[in-house]
Protein backbone atom coordinates (compact mmCIF):
# COMPACT_ATOMS: atom_id res chain seq x y z
CA MET A 1 -21.30 -29.76 38.39
CA SER A 2 -24.32 -29.96 36.17
CA SER A 3 -27.91 -30.16 37.64
CA ILE A 4 -29.02 -32.23 34.92
CA ARG A 5 -28.54 -36.06 35.44
CA LYS A 6 -26.90 -37.98 32.57
CA ASP A 7 -29.55 -40.59 32.50
CA LYS A 8 -32.41 -38.02 32.45
CA PRO A 9 -33.50 -37.33 28.74
CA ARG A 10 -33.04 -33.53 27.82
CA THR A 11 -36.20 -31.76 27.34
CA PRO A 12 -37.02 -29.92 23.92
CA GLU A 13 -36.76 -26.61 25.80
CA LEU A 14 -33.22 -27.17 26.89
CA LYS A 15 -32.31 -28.41 23.46
CA GLY A 16 -33.98 -25.24 21.99
CA SER A 17 -32.07 -23.03 24.35
CA LYS A 18 -28.73 -24.29 23.12
CA LYS A 19 -29.38 -23.22 19.66
CA LYS A 20 -27.22 -20.20 18.39
CA ARG A 21 -29.22 -17.08 18.00
CA ASN A 22 -28.40 -14.26 15.73
CA PRO A 23 -27.51 -11.64 18.11
CA SER A 24 -28.82 -7.97 17.80
CA LEU A 25 -26.45 -5.32 16.69
CA LEU A 26 -27.35 -3.57 19.93
CA THR A 27 -26.17 -6.57 21.89
CA GLY A 28 -23.17 -5.59 24.33
CA LEU A 29 -24.29 -2.09 24.74
CA PRO A 30 -23.15 -0.72 28.46
CA SER A 31 -26.32 -0.48 30.51
CA LYS A 32 -24.30 0.80 33.36
CA ALA A 33 -22.76 3.80 31.48
CA PRO A 34 -24.16 7.31 31.73
CA SER A 35 -27.07 7.71 29.75
CA LEU A 36 -25.43 10.24 27.18
CA THR A 37 -22.52 7.72 26.60
CA GLN A 38 -25.32 4.93 26.04
CA ALA A 39 -27.09 6.90 23.50
CA TYR A 40 -23.81 7.82 21.96
CA ARG A 41 -22.69 4.44 21.43
CA LEU A 42 -26.28 3.24 20.50
CA THR A 43 -26.39 5.66 17.56
CA THR A 44 -22.99 5.20 16.58
CA LYS A 45 -23.61 1.40 16.05
CA VAL A 46 -26.81 1.98 14.23
CA SER A 47 -25.39 4.64 12.03
CA LYS A 48 -22.68 2.18 10.95
CA VAL A 49 -25.44 0.05 9.10
CA GLY A 50 -27.06 2.97 7.47
CA PHE A 51 -29.72 3.81 10.09
CA ASP A 52 -28.86 7.50 10.07
CA TRP A 53 -29.67 11.03 8.58
CA PRO A 54 -27.92 11.63 5.28
CA ASN A 55 -26.62 14.82 6.65
CA MET A 56 -26.35 17.52 9.58
CA GLU A 57 -29.35 19.23 8.09
CA GLY A 58 -31.49 16.09 8.63
CA VAL A 59 -30.43 15.99 12.10
CA LEU A 60 -31.26 19.44 12.85
CA ASN A 61 -34.60 19.14 11.16
CA LYS A 62 -35.48 16.48 13.55
CA LEU A 63 -34.24 18.55 16.49
CA ASP A 64 -36.70 21.19 15.50
CA GLU A 65 -39.45 18.60 15.21
CA GLU A 66 -38.75 17.27 18.63
CA LEU A 67 -38.58 20.75 20.02
CA GLY A 68 -42.13 21.68 18.52
CA GLU A 69 -43.21 18.29 20.34
CA PHE A 70 -41.63 19.32 23.48
CA ARG A 71 -43.42 22.62 23.51
CA ARG A 72 -46.74 21.10 22.68
CA ALA A 73 -46.36 18.81 25.56
CA LEU A 74 -45.46 21.97 27.79
CA ARG A 75 -48.73 23.68 26.87
CA LEU A 76 -50.61 20.53 27.53
CA LYS A 77 -49.09 20.33 31.01
CA ASP A 78 -48.67 16.42 30.80
CA ARG A 79 -45.80 15.58 32.95
CA LYS A 80 -45.25 12.05 31.31
CA LYS A 81 -45.37 13.52 27.77
CA ILE A 82 -42.97 16.40 28.77
CA ARG A 83 -40.59 13.71 30.12
CA ASP A 84 -40.98 11.54 27.22
CA GLU A 85 -40.31 14.70 24.77
CA LEU A 86 -37.35 15.84 26.91
CA GLY A 87 -35.61 12.61 26.33
CA ASP A 88 -36.26 12.70 22.75
CA LEU A 89 -34.48 16.21 22.73
CA PHE A 90 -31.57 14.71 24.57
CA PHE A 91 -31.37 11.88 22.10
CA VAL A 92 -31.28 13.84 19.12
CA LEU A 93 -28.84 16.35 20.56
CA VAL A 94 -26.62 13.27 21.06
CA ASN A 95 -26.94 12.53 17.48
CA VAL A 96 -26.03 15.98 16.56
CA ALA A 97 -22.84 15.48 18.86
CA ARG A 98 -21.96 12.09 16.99
CA VAL A 99 -22.37 13.71 13.84
CA LEU A 100 -19.93 16.43 14.79
CA GLN A 101 -17.70 13.94 16.31
CA ILE A 102 -17.99 15.37 19.66
CA HIS A 103 -18.67 12.92 22.68
CA PRO A 104 -21.49 14.45 24.42
CA GLU A 105 -20.50 13.50 27.94
CA LYS A 106 -17.22 15.59 27.33
CA ALA A 107 -18.99 18.49 25.88
CA LEU A 108 -21.48 18.46 28.86
CA ARG A 109 -18.83 18.05 31.42
CA LYS A 110 -17.06 21.05 29.89
CA THR A 111 -20.07 23.07 30.08
CA ILE A 112 -20.62 22.29 33.64
CA GLN A 113 -17.20 23.58 34.52
CA LYS A 114 -17.68 26.51 32.65
CA PHE A 115 -20.98 27.33 34.43
CA ILE A 116 -19.28 26.90 37.66
CA SER A 117 -16.38 29.08 37.04
CA ARG A 118 -18.84 31.87 35.93
CA PHE A 119 -21.22 31.24 39.01
CA HIS A 120 -18.16 31.56 41.07
CA TYR A 121 -17.40 34.92 39.35
CA ILE A 122 -20.90 35.97 40.30
CA GLU A 123 -20.42 34.99 43.80
CA ARG A 124 -17.29 36.76 44.09
CA ALA A 125 -18.29 39.89 42.40
CA LEU A 126 -21.55 39.91 44.85
CA HIS A 127 -19.15 39.23 47.87
CA GLN A 128 -16.94 42.29 46.86
CA LYS A 129 -20.19 44.39 46.87
CA GLY A 130 -20.97 43.27 50.38
CA LYS A 131 -23.97 41.44 48.99
CA SER A 132 -25.23 37.68 49.32
CA LEU A 133 -26.85 35.87 46.38
CA LYS A 134 -30.17 36.13 48.50
CA GLN A 135 -29.64 39.98 48.58
CA SER A 136 -29.22 39.96 44.81
CA ASN A 137 -31.80 39.69 42.05
CA LEU A 138 -31.76 37.87 38.74
CA SER A 139 -31.12 41.03 36.97
CA GLU A 140 -27.97 41.84 38.85
CA MET A 141 -26.82 38.35 38.63
CA ASP A 142 -27.52 38.10 34.84
CA HIS A 143 -25.47 41.27 34.33
CA LEU A 144 -22.52 39.57 36.23
CA TRP A 145 -22.97 36.34 34.23
CA GLU A 146 -22.37 38.32 30.99
CA GLU A 147 -19.48 40.13 32.57
CA ALA A 148 -17.84 36.69 33.29
CA LYS A 149 -18.49 35.58 29.86
CA ARG A 150 -16.82 38.68 28.49
CA ARG A 151 -13.82 37.95 30.64
CA LYS A 152 -13.75 34.68 29.05
CA THR A 153 -14.33 32.73 32.32
CA LYS A 154 -14.06 29.06 31.61
């Protein structure tokens, strides 16, 4: 039941709120989706109306630009700027994925699984040598990592 009584005149604010507004192109983007998915959908929508680079070279140039800005922020040791520039890097990488028609969420998940598999290889190889991760060093682990890659550990 409405909280507005029928005998009470409507205020202009209520009338104004009933007017139809032109919704934004970005209306309806999933706010609860993972960030990579949100960025992918967002850039897909805006690209359909021409807000996009003309080709992959344009996206890669933007990636180079953002990487330069990230490096400058690192030199300044400005945490807020570093975070912002890192976000910009992720966003441009999502655009790279979109232009290549590769969903970034799927690509990252595949890479995570590949990483886990290779790291497990390192753990097993060290265990066979009677060593733990803490008894190893980066050089030895990196050598085993490269070995795992050569074996096509996925």
